[in-house]
Amino acid sequence: MKLSTALLYCLIVPFNACKDPVGPDLTRNVFFNSFESQSDTVGWVRYGGMAFVADAPPNGGKQSVRVAGGCIVPHALFQFNGPPLGGTVVLQCWGKNLAIGGGVSLYRVGNDSKRIWISIADSIWTFKQAEQILQCQPGDRLAIEMMSGGFAPSSMLIDLLEVKKVD
């Protein structure tokens, strides 16, 4: 993210203080994060480890984010505004398993029973797209969760994380 965009967020945040964590929305029909700098982790709530690593997939820049955790899940959580007019979205990313695996999920805040999920199990960089789609209503907030491990510690790399409106 460019410095000018980061400064714009600093100006917008005080005016949106009534909302849950402020972050990008799908007004352009896409949420995208390549995890290249600290500004790419603004708004992420961390319950596990989340650190930059100089390892990235093809066309992924120079870095990715390492997500690690143990008992408390999710290990990383991000909430953002869904498509303003509603619609269907899909979740995709590049992932690399470093230990016993993990995954990335997407759901509507307040209705986490309808999650779409990507499993990160390959030890080499692999492009993943959720097999399911998620229907959104106008005004929905969406949440992305990243989990690596559970009762046993684990870690994974994630990059080029994207939520796209497909209709």
N, C-alpha and C. Protein backbone atom coordinates (compact mmCIF):
# COMPACT_ATOMS: atom_id res chain seq x y z
N MET A 1 0.86 -1.17 0.00
CA MET A 1 0.00 0.00 0.00
C MET A 1 0.90 1.23 0.00
N LYS A 2 0.54 2.21 -0.76
CA LYS A 2 1.32 3.43 -0.86
C LYS A 2 1.11 4.30 0.38
N LEU A 3 2.07 5.16 0.64
CA LEU A 3 1.99 6.07 1.79
C LEU A 3 0.76 6.95 1.72
N SER A 4 0.41 7.43 0.52
CA SER A 4 -0.76 8.30 0.39
C SER A 4 -2.05 7.55 0.77
N THR A 5 -2.13 6.27 0.42
CA THR A 5 -3.31 5.48 0.78
C THR A 5 -3.36 5.28 2.28
N ALA A 6 -2.19 5.01 2.90
CA ALA A 6 -2.14 4.84 4.35
C ALA A 6 -2.58 6.13 5.05
N LEU A 7 -2.15 7.28 4.54
CA LEU A 7 -2.56 8.55 5.14
C LEU A 7 -4.06 8.77 4.99
N LEU A 8 -4.61 8.36 3.84
CA LEU A 8 -6.05 8.47 3.63
C LEU A 8 -6.80 7.65 4.67
N TYR A 9 -6.33 6.42 4.95
CA TYR A 9 -6.95 5.59 5.98
C TYR A 9 -6.92 6.30 7.34
N CYS A 10 -5.80 6.97 7.64
CA CYS A 10 -5.70 7.69 8.92
C CYS A 10 -6.74 8.78 9.03
N LEU A 11 -7.10 9.39 7.92
CA LEU A 11 -8.11 10.43 7.93
C LEU A 11 -9.52 9.85 8.00
N ILE A 12 -9.73 8.69 7.39
CA ILE A 12 -11.06 8.08 7.34
C ILE A 12 -11.41 7.38 8.64
N VAL A 13 -10.45 6.74 9.29
CA VAL A 13 -10.71 5.94 10.48
C VAL A 13 -11.48 6.70 11.56
N PRO A 14 -11.09 7.95 11.93
CA PRO A 14 -11.84 8.64 12.98
C PRO A 14 -13.32 8.83 12.64
N PHE A 15 -13.67 8.95 11.36
CA PHE A 15 -15.05 9.17 10.98
C PHE A 15 -15.85 7.88 10.92
N ASN A 16 -15.18 6.74 10.99
CA ASN A 16 -15.84 5.44 10.95
C ASN A 16 -15.68 4.69 12.26
N ALA A 17 -15.43 5.39 13.35
CA ALA A 17 -15.14 4.74 14.62
C ALA A 17 -16.28 3.89 15.15
N CYS A 18 -17.49 4.08 14.68
CA CYS A 18 -18.63 3.30 15.16
C CYS A 18 -18.66 1.90 14.57
N LYS A 19 -17.92 1.64 13.53
CA LYS A 19 -17.93 0.34 12.88
C LYS A 19 -16.90 -0.57 13.53
N ASP A 20 -17.07 -1.90 13.32
CA ASP A 20 -16.05 -2.85 13.74
C ASP A 20 -14.80 -2.58 12.94
N PRO A 21 -13.69 -3.34 13.19
CA PRO A 21 -12.41 -2.96 12.60
C PRO A 21 -12.54 -2.41 11.18
N VAL A 22 -11.94 -1.25 11.00
CA VAL A 22 -12.01 -0.57 9.72
C VAL A 22 -11.02 -1.21 8.77
N GLY A 23 -11.42 -1.38 7.56
CA GLY A 23 -10.52 -1.95 6.57
C GLY A 23 -11.08 -1.72 5.19
N PRO A 24 -10.41 -2.24 4.18
CA PRO A 24 -10.90 -2.04 2.83
C PRO A 24 -12.25 -2.69 2.64
N ASP A 25 -13.01 -2.21 1.69
CA ASP A 25 -14.30 -2.84 1.40
C ASP A 25 -14.32 -3.29 -0.05
N LEU A 26 -15.42 -3.89 -0.45
CA LEU A 26 -15.52 -4.43 -1.79
C LEU A 26 -16.20 -3.46 -2.76
N THR A 27 -16.01 -2.16 -2.55
CA THR A 27 -16.64 -1.21 -3.46
C THR A 27 -16.07 -1.36 -4.87
N ARG A 28 -14.88 -1.87 -4.99
CA ARG A 28 -14.30 -2.15 -6.31
C ARG A 28 -14.44 -3.63 -6.64
N ASN A 29 -15.28 -4.33 -5.90
CA ASN A 29 -15.57 -5.74 -6.12
C ASN A 29 -14.39 -6.67 -5.88
N VAL A 30 -13.44 -6.21 -5.08
CA VAL A 30 -12.31 -7.07 -4.76
C VAL A 30 -11.66 -6.62 -3.45
N PHE A 31 -11.23 -7.59 -2.65
CA PHE A 31 -10.35 -7.35 -1.51
C PHE A 31 -9.07 -8.09 -1.87
N PHE A 32 -7.93 -7.43 -1.74
CA PHE A 32 -6.68 -8.05 -2.15
C PHE A 32 -5.58 -7.66 -1.19
N ASN A 33 -4.73 -8.62 -0.84
CA ASN A 33 -3.60 -8.32 0.02
C ASN A 33 -2.42 -9.18 -0.39
N SER A 34 -1.29 -8.54 -0.67
CA SER A 34 -0.07 -9.25 -1.04
C SER A 34 0.94 -9.31 0.10
N PHE A 35 0.63 -8.71 1.23
CA PHE A 35 1.49 -8.77 2.43
C PHE A 35 2.94 -8.37 2.13
N GLU A 36 3.10 -7.15 1.64
CA GLU A 36 4.44 -6.66 1.33
C GLU A 36 4.99 -5.71 2.39
N SER A 37 4.13 -5.12 3.22
CA SER A 37 4.62 -4.17 4.22
C SER A 37 3.71 -4.19 5.44
N GLN A 38 4.14 -3.54 6.50
CA GLN A 38 3.37 -3.49 7.75
C GLN A 38 1.97 -2.93 7.52
N SER A 39 1.82 -2.01 6.57
CA SER A 39 0.49 -1.44 6.33
C SER A 39 -0.49 -2.51 5.83
N ASP A 40 0.03 -3.61 5.28
CA ASP A 40 -0.84 -4.69 4.81
C ASP A 40 -1.40 -5.55 5.94
N THR A 41 -0.97 -5.28 7.17
CA THR A 41 -1.51 -6.02 8.32
C THR A 41 -2.37 -5.12 9.22
N VAL A 42 -2.58 -3.88 8.82
CA VAL A 42 -3.44 -2.98 9.58
C VAL A 42 -4.86 -3.54 9.59
N GLY A 43 -5.47 -3.60 10.74
CA GLY A 43 -6.83 -4.11 10.87
C GLY A 43 -6.92 -5.59 11.18
N TRP A 44 -5.83 -6.32 11.02
CA TRP A 44 -5.82 -7.74 11.35
C TRP A 44 -5.72 -7.90 12.87
N VAL A 45 -6.58 -8.72 13.44
CA VAL A 45 -6.52 -9.07 14.85
C VAL A 45 -5.75 -10.39 14.92
N ARG A 46 -4.75 -10.43 15.79
CA ARG A 46 -3.88 -11.61 15.85
C ARG A 46 -4.03 -12.32 17.18
N TYR A 47 -4.29 -13.62 17.12
CA TYR A 47 -4.32 -14.45 18.31
C TYR A 47 -3.16 -15.44 18.29
N GLY A 48 -2.44 -15.47 17.20
CA GLY A 48 -1.26 -16.30 17.03
C GLY A 48 -0.17 -15.43 16.45
N GLY A 49 0.86 -16.05 15.93
CA GLY A 49 1.94 -15.29 15.31
C GLY A 49 1.62 -14.93 13.88
N MET A 50 1.96 -13.72 13.48
CA MET A 50 1.78 -13.26 12.11
C MET A 50 3.00 -12.40 11.78
N ALA A 51 3.86 -12.91 10.89
CA ALA A 51 5.11 -12.20 10.59
C ALA A 51 5.41 -12.29 9.11
N PHE A 52 6.16 -11.31 8.61
CA PHE A 52 6.57 -11.30 7.21
C PHE A 52 7.74 -12.26 7.01
N VAL A 53 7.74 -12.92 5.85
CA VAL A 53 8.80 -13.86 5.50
C VAL A 53 9.22 -13.55 4.06
N ALA A 54 10.52 -13.59 3.81
CA ALA A 54 11.04 -13.33 2.46
C ALA A 54 10.90 -14.59 1.61
N ASP A 55 9.68 -14.98 1.35
CA ASP A 55 9.35 -16.15 0.53
C ASP A 55 7.98 -15.86 -0.07
N ALA A 56 7.87 -15.89 -1.38
CA ALA A 56 6.61 -15.53 -2.03
C ALA A 56 6.36 -16.43 -3.24
N PRO A 57 5.10 -16.59 -3.60
CA PRO A 57 4.76 -17.38 -4.78
C PRO A 57 5.04 -16.60 -6.06
N PRO A 58 4.85 -17.23 -7.23
CA PRO A 58 5.03 -16.51 -8.49
C PRO A 58 4.17 -15.24 -8.52
N ASN A 59 4.76 -14.13 -8.93
CA ASN A 59 4.09 -12.82 -9.00
C ASN A 59 3.60 -12.33 -7.65
N GLY A 60 4.18 -12.83 -6.57
CA GLY A 60 3.75 -12.46 -5.22
C GLY A 60 4.60 -11.41 -4.55
N GLY A 61 5.43 -10.73 -5.30
CA GLY A 61 6.28 -9.72 -4.68
C GLY A 61 7.48 -10.37 -4.01
N LYS A 62 7.91 -9.77 -2.89
CA LYS A 62 9.11 -10.25 -2.21
C LYS A 62 8.80 -10.97 -0.90
N GLN A 63 7.57 -10.78 -0.38
CA GLN A 63 7.26 -11.35 0.93
C GLN A 63 5.89 -12.00 0.94
N SER A 64 5.67 -12.79 1.97
CA SER A 64 4.36 -13.33 2.29
C SER A 64 4.21 -13.19 3.79
N VAL A 65 3.08 -13.64 4.32
CA VAL A 65 2.89 -13.58 5.76
C VAL A 65 2.88 -15.01 6.31
N ARG A 66 3.60 -15.20 7.40
CA ARG A 66 3.64 -16.48 8.10
C ARG A 66 2.62 -16.41 9.22
N VAL A 67 1.70 -17.36 9.22
CA VAL A 67 0.68 -17.44 10.26
C VAL A 67 0.97 -18.69 11.08
N ALA A 68 1.09 -18.52 12.38
CA ALA A 68 1.40 -19.63 13.26
C ALA A 68 0.49 -19.58 14.48
N GLY A 69 0.19 -20.73 15.01
CA GLY A 69 -0.67 -20.73 16.19
C GLY A 69 -0.67 -22.04 16.91
N GLY A 70 -1.42 -22.05 17.98
CA GLY A 70 -1.60 -23.23 18.81
C GLY A 70 -3.06 -23.32 19.18
N CYS A 71 -3.36 -23.23 20.45
CA CYS A 71 -4.71 -23.50 20.96
C CYS A 71 -5.79 -22.51 20.53
N ILE A 72 -5.55 -21.22 20.69
CA ILE A 72 -6.61 -20.24 20.46
C ILE A 72 -6.76 -19.98 18.96
N VAL A 73 -7.95 -20.22 18.44
CA VAL A 73 -8.21 -19.95 17.02
C VAL A 73 -9.32 -18.93 16.90
N PRO A 74 -9.36 -18.13 15.86
CA PRO A 74 -8.44 -18.13 14.73
C PRO A 74 -7.12 -17.47 15.12
N HIS A 75 -6.11 -17.70 14.32
CA HIS A 75 -4.80 -17.10 14.61
C HIS A 75 -4.68 -15.71 14.02
N ALA A 76 -5.52 -15.40 13.04
CA ALA A 76 -5.58 -14.05 12.47
C ALA A 76 -7.00 -13.84 11.94
N LEU A 77 -7.54 -12.64 12.15
CA LEU A 77 -8.92 -12.32 11.77
C LEU A 77 -8.95 -10.91 11.18
N PHE A 78 -9.70 -10.77 10.08
CA PHE A 78 -9.86 -9.46 9.46
C PHE A 78 -11.30 -9.30 9.03
N GLN A 79 -11.93 -8.19 9.39
CA GLN A 79 -13.30 -7.89 8.98
C GLN A 79 -13.31 -6.70 8.03
N PHE A 80 -14.22 -6.75 7.05
CA PHE A 80 -14.31 -5.67 6.06
C PHE A 80 -15.71 -5.66 5.48
N ASN A 81 -16.04 -4.57 4.79
CA ASN A 81 -17.35 -4.44 4.16
C ASN A 81 -17.43 -5.28 2.91
N GLY A 82 -18.55 -6.00 2.76
CA GLY A 82 -18.79 -6.78 1.55
C GLY A 82 -19.24 -5.89 0.41
N PRO A 83 -19.63 -6.51 -0.71
CA PRO A 83 -20.09 -5.70 -1.85
C PRO A 83 -21.30 -4.85 -1.45
N PRO A 84 -21.30 -3.57 -1.74
CA PRO A 84 -22.37 -2.68 -1.30
C PRO A 84 -23.76 -3.12 -1.77
N LEU A 85 -23.84 -3.72 -2.94
CA LEU A 85 -25.13 -4.15 -3.47
C LEU A 85 -25.36 -5.64 -3.26
N GLY A 86 -24.48 -6.29 -2.50
CA GLY A 86 -24.58 -7.73 -2.31
C GLY A 86 -24.02 -8.46 -3.51
N GLY A 87 -24.16 -9.78 -3.50
CA GLY A 87 -23.69 -10.57 -4.62
C GLY A 87 -22.95 -11.80 -4.16
N THR A 88 -22.32 -12.45 -5.10
CA THR A 88 -21.59 -13.69 -4.84
C THR A 88 -20.09 -13.40 -4.84
N VAL A 89 -19.39 -13.93 -3.83
CA VAL A 89 -17.94 -13.74 -3.75
C VAL A 89 -17.25 -15.09 -3.67
N VAL A 90 -15.98 -15.09 -4.06
CA VAL A 90 -15.15 -16.28 -3.99
C VAL A 90 -13.85 -15.91 -3.27
N LEU A 91 -13.25 -16.87 -2.60
CA LEU A 91 -12.01 -16.69 -1.84
C LEU A 91 -10.88 -17.43 -2.54
N GLN A 92 -9.73 -16.76 -2.68
CA GLN A 92 -8.57 -17.43 -3.26
C GLN A 92 -7.29 -16.87 -2.67
N CYS A 93 -6.22 -17.66 -2.73
CA CYS A 93 -4.92 -17.24 -2.23
C CYS A 93 -3.86 -18.23 -2.71
N TRP A 94 -2.62 -17.89 -2.44
CA TRP A 94 -1.52 -18.83 -2.58
C TRP A 94 -1.13 -19.22 -1.17
N GLY A 95 -0.83 -20.50 -0.95
CA GLY A 95 -0.47 -20.97 0.37
C GLY A 95 0.66 -21.98 0.33
N LYS A 96 1.35 -22.08 1.46
CA LYS A 96 2.46 -23.03 1.60
C LYS A 96 2.47 -23.51 3.04
N ASN A 97 2.36 -24.80 3.22
CA ASN A 97 2.36 -25.41 4.54
C ASN A 97 3.79 -25.55 5.06
N LEU A 98 4.03 -25.10 6.29
CA LEU A 98 5.36 -25.21 6.89
C LEU A 98 5.42 -26.28 7.98
N ALA A 99 4.28 -26.74 8.46
CA ALA A 99 4.28 -27.73 9.54
C ALA A 99 3.14 -28.72 9.32
N ILE A 100 2.06 -28.63 10.10
CA ILE A 100 0.98 -29.62 9.97
C ILE A 100 -0.26 -29.09 9.26
N GLY A 101 -0.14 -27.94 8.63
CA GLY A 101 -1.23 -27.43 7.82
C GLY A 101 -2.06 -26.37 8.49
N GLY A 102 -3.03 -25.90 7.74
CA GLY A 102 -3.91 -24.84 8.22
C GLY A 102 -4.91 -24.49 7.14
N GLY A 103 -5.48 -23.31 7.25
CA GLY A 103 -6.45 -22.90 6.25
C GLY A 103 -6.90 -21.46 6.42
N VAL A 104 -7.66 -21.03 5.42
CA VAL A 104 -8.22 -19.68 5.37
C VAL A 104 -9.72 -19.84 5.14
N SER A 105 -10.52 -19.09 5.89
CA SER A 105 -11.97 -19.16 5.69
C SER A 105 -12.54 -17.75 5.53
N LEU A 106 -13.72 -17.71 4.91
CA LEU A 106 -14.44 -16.46 4.69
C LEU A 106 -15.90 -16.70 5.06
N TYR A 107 -16.49 -15.74 5.78
CA TYR A 107 -17.90 -15.85 6.16
C TYR A 107 -18.49 -14.48 6.39
N ARG A 108 -19.82 -14.45 6.45
CA ARG A 108 -20.53 -13.20 6.78
C ARG A 108 -20.54 -13.05 8.29
N VAL A 109 -20.16 -11.89 8.79
CA VAL A 109 -20.16 -11.64 10.23
C VAL A 109 -21.60 -11.78 10.73
N GLY A 110 -21.76 -12.54 11.81
CA GLY A 110 -23.09 -12.80 12.36
C GLY A 110 -23.72 -14.06 11.79
N ASN A 111 -23.07 -14.68 10.80
CA ASN A 111 -23.58 -15.92 10.21
C ASN A 111 -22.40 -16.78 9.80
N ASP A 112 -21.60 -17.20 10.79
CA ASP A 112 -20.40 -17.95 10.47
C ASP A 112 -20.67 -19.43 10.17
N SER A 113 -21.94 -19.85 10.15
CA SER A 113 -22.26 -21.24 9.82
C SER A 113 -22.11 -21.50 8.32
N LYS A 114 -22.09 -20.45 7.51
CA LYS A 114 -21.94 -20.59 6.05
C LYS A 114 -20.55 -20.11 5.65
N ARG A 115 -19.54 -20.86 6.05
CA ARG A 115 -18.15 -20.53 5.73
C ARG A 115 -17.73 -21.17 4.42
N ILE A 116 -16.84 -20.47 3.72
CA ILE A 116 -16.13 -21.13 2.64
C ILE A 116 -14.69 -21.26 3.09
N TRP A 117 -14.01 -22.31 2.67
CA TRP A 117 -12.75 -22.72 3.29
C TRP A 117 -11.73 -23.12 2.24
N ILE A 118 -10.48 -22.75 2.49
CA ILE A 118 -9.34 -23.20 1.70
C ILE A 118 -8.39 -23.91 2.65
N SER A 119 -8.02 -25.13 2.32
CA SER A 119 -7.06 -25.90 3.12
C SER A 119 -5.65 -25.66 2.58
N ILE A 120 -4.71 -25.40 3.48
CA ILE A 120 -3.31 -25.21 3.10
C ILE A 120 -2.54 -26.43 3.61
N ALA A 121 -2.22 -27.34 2.70
CA ALA A 121 -1.58 -28.60 3.09
C ALA A 121 -0.31 -28.90 2.30
N ASP A 122 -0.11 -28.24 1.16
CA ASP A 122 1.05 -28.52 0.31
C ASP A 122 2.30 -27.82 0.82
N SER A 123 3.44 -28.50 0.74
CA SER A 123 4.69 -27.93 1.23
C SER A 123 5.39 -27.05 0.18
N ILE A 124 4.77 -26.87 -0.97
CA ILE A 124 5.27 -25.93 -1.98
C ILE A 124 4.17 -24.91 -2.23
N TRP A 125 4.52 -23.75 -2.77
CA TRP A 125 3.53 -22.73 -3.06
C TRP A 125 2.48 -23.30 -4.02
N THR A 126 1.20 -23.18 -3.62
CA THR A 126 0.10 -23.72 -4.41
C THR A 126 -1.04 -22.70 -4.43
N PHE A 127 -1.58 -22.44 -5.62
CA PHE A 127 -2.74 -21.57 -5.74
C PHE A 127 -3.97 -22.34 -5.28
N LYS A 128 -4.78 -21.70 -4.44
CA LYS A 128 -6.00 -22.33 -3.90
C LYS A 128 -7.18 -21.41 -4.11
N GLN A 129 -8.30 -21.99 -4.47
CA GLN A 129 -9.57 -21.25 -4.54
C GLN A 129 -10.62 -22.11 -3.86
N ALA A 130 -11.44 -21.48 -3.02
CA ALA A 130 -12.50 -22.21 -2.34
C ALA A 130 -13.42 -22.84 -3.38
N GLU A 131 -13.83 -24.07 -3.11
CA GLU A 131 -14.75 -24.75 -4.03
C GLU A 131 -16.16 -24.16 -3.93
N GLN A 132 -16.47 -23.55 -2.78
CA GLN A 132 -17.78 -22.97 -2.57
C GLN A 132 -17.74 -21.46 -2.87
N ILE A 133 -18.92 -20.89 -2.98
CA ILE A 133 -19.07 -19.44 -3.12
C ILE A 133 -19.84 -18.95 -1.90
N LEU A 134 -19.80 -17.66 -1.66
CA LEU A 134 -20.51 -17.07 -0.53
C LEU A 134 -21.46 -16.01 -1.05
N GLN A 135 -22.73 -16.14 -0.71
CA GLN A 135 -23.75 -15.14 -1.07
C GLN A 135 -23.76 -14.03 -0.03
N CYS A 136 -23.73 -12.79 -0.48
CA CYS A 136 -23.73 -11.64 0.42
C CYS A 136 -24.96 -10.78 0.15
N GLN A 137 -25.47 -10.20 1.19
CA GLN A 137 -26.57 -9.25 1.10
C GLN A 137 -26.00 -7.83 1.18
N PRO A 138 -26.71 -6.83 0.67
CA PRO A 138 -26.24 -5.45 0.81
C PRO A 138 -25.97 -5.12 2.28
N GLY A 139 -24.84 -4.51 2.55
CA GLY A 139 -24.50 -4.11 3.90
C GLY A 139 -23.82 -5.18 4.74
N ASP A 140 -23.62 -6.38 4.21
CA ASP A 140 -22.95 -7.44 4.98
C ASP A 140 -21.51 -7.06 5.28
N ARG A 141 -21.06 -7.43 6.48
CA ARG A 141 -19.64 -7.38 6.83
C ARG A 141 -19.11 -8.80 6.64
N LEU A 142 -17.92 -8.90 6.09
CA LEU A 142 -17.30 -10.19 5.87
C LEU A 142 -16.09 -10.33 6.79
N ALA A 143 -15.72 -11.57 7.08
CA ALA A 143 -14.55 -11.83 7.91
C ALA A 143 -13.71 -12.92 7.25
N ILE A 144 -12.41 -12.70 7.28
CA ILE A 144 -11.44 -13.70 6.86
C ILE A 144 -10.74 -14.18 8.12
N GLU A 145 -10.65 -15.49 8.27
CA GLU A 145 -9.90 -16.08 9.37
C GLU A 145 -8.79 -16.96 8.81
N MET A 146 -7.63 -16.90 9.46
CA MET A 146 -6.53 -17.79 9.10
C MET A 146 -6.18 -18.60 10.34
N MET A 147 -6.07 -19.93 10.15
CA MET A 147 -5.76 -20.82 11.26
C MET A 147 -4.67 -21.78 10.82
N SER A 148 -3.70 -22.00 11.68
CA SER A 148 -2.65 -22.95 11.40
C SER A 148 -2.36 -23.72 12.67
N GLY A 149 -2.85 -24.92 12.71
CA GLY A 149 -2.74 -25.73 13.92
C GLY A 149 -4.05 -25.68 14.67
N GLY A 150 -4.03 -26.05 15.88
CA GLY A 150 -5.19 -26.11 16.74
C GLY A 150 -4.65 -26.42 18.12
N PHE A 151 -4.81 -27.64 18.56
CA PHE A 151 -4.18 -28.04 19.82
C PHE A 151 -2.67 -28.18 19.65
N ALA A 152 -2.25 -28.50 18.43
CA ALA A 152 -0.81 -28.61 18.13
C ALA A 152 -0.38 -27.38 17.34
N PRO A 153 0.78 -26.81 17.67
CA PRO A 153 1.26 -25.65 16.94
C PRO A 153 1.57 -26.01 15.49
N SER A 154 1.40 -25.06 14.60
CA SER A 154 1.69 -25.23 13.19
C SER A 154 2.00 -23.88 12.59
N SER A 155 2.34 -23.85 11.30
CA SER A 155 2.54 -22.58 10.61
C SER A 155 2.36 -22.79 9.11
N MET A 156 2.01 -21.69 8.44
CA MET A 156 1.81 -21.70 6.99
C MET A 156 2.15 -20.32 6.46
N LEU A 157 2.39 -20.23 5.16
CA LEU A 157 2.60 -18.96 4.49
C LEU A 157 1.39 -18.67 3.61
N ILE A 158 0.95 -17.41 3.60
CA ILE A 158 -0.18 -16.98 2.78
C ILE A 158 0.25 -15.74 2.00
N ASP A 159 -0.17 -15.67 0.74
CA ASP A 159 0.10 -14.50 -0.06
C ASP A 159 -0.98 -14.36 -1.13
N LEU A 160 -1.06 -13.18 -1.72
CA LEU A 160 -2.01 -12.88 -2.77
C LEU A 160 -3.42 -13.31 -2.37
N LEU A 161 -3.80 -12.96 -1.16
CA LEU A 161 -5.13 -13.27 -0.61
C LEU A 161 -6.16 -12.38 -1.28
N GLU A 162 -7.23 -12.98 -1.80
CA GLU A 162 -8.18 -12.21 -2.60
C GLU A 162 -9.61 -12.71 -2.36
N VAL A 163 -10.52 -11.76 -2.22
CA VAL A 163 -11.97 -12.03 -2.21
C VAL A 163 -12.51 -11.25 -3.39
N LYS A 164 -13.12 -11.96 -4.35
CA LYS A 164 -13.62 -11.31 -5.57
C LYS A 164 -15.12 -11.51 -5.71
N LYS A 165 -15.77 -10.45 -6.15
CA LYS A 165 -17.18 -10.55 -6.51
C LYS A 165 -17.26 -11.19 -7.89
N VAL A 166 -18.07 -12.24 -8.03
CA VAL A 166 -18.10 -12.98 -9.29
C VAL A 166 -19.40 -12.80 -10.05
N ASP A 167 -20.37 -12.04 -9.53
CA ASP A 167 -21.58 -11.77 -10.30
C ASP A 167 -21.95 -10.31 -10.25
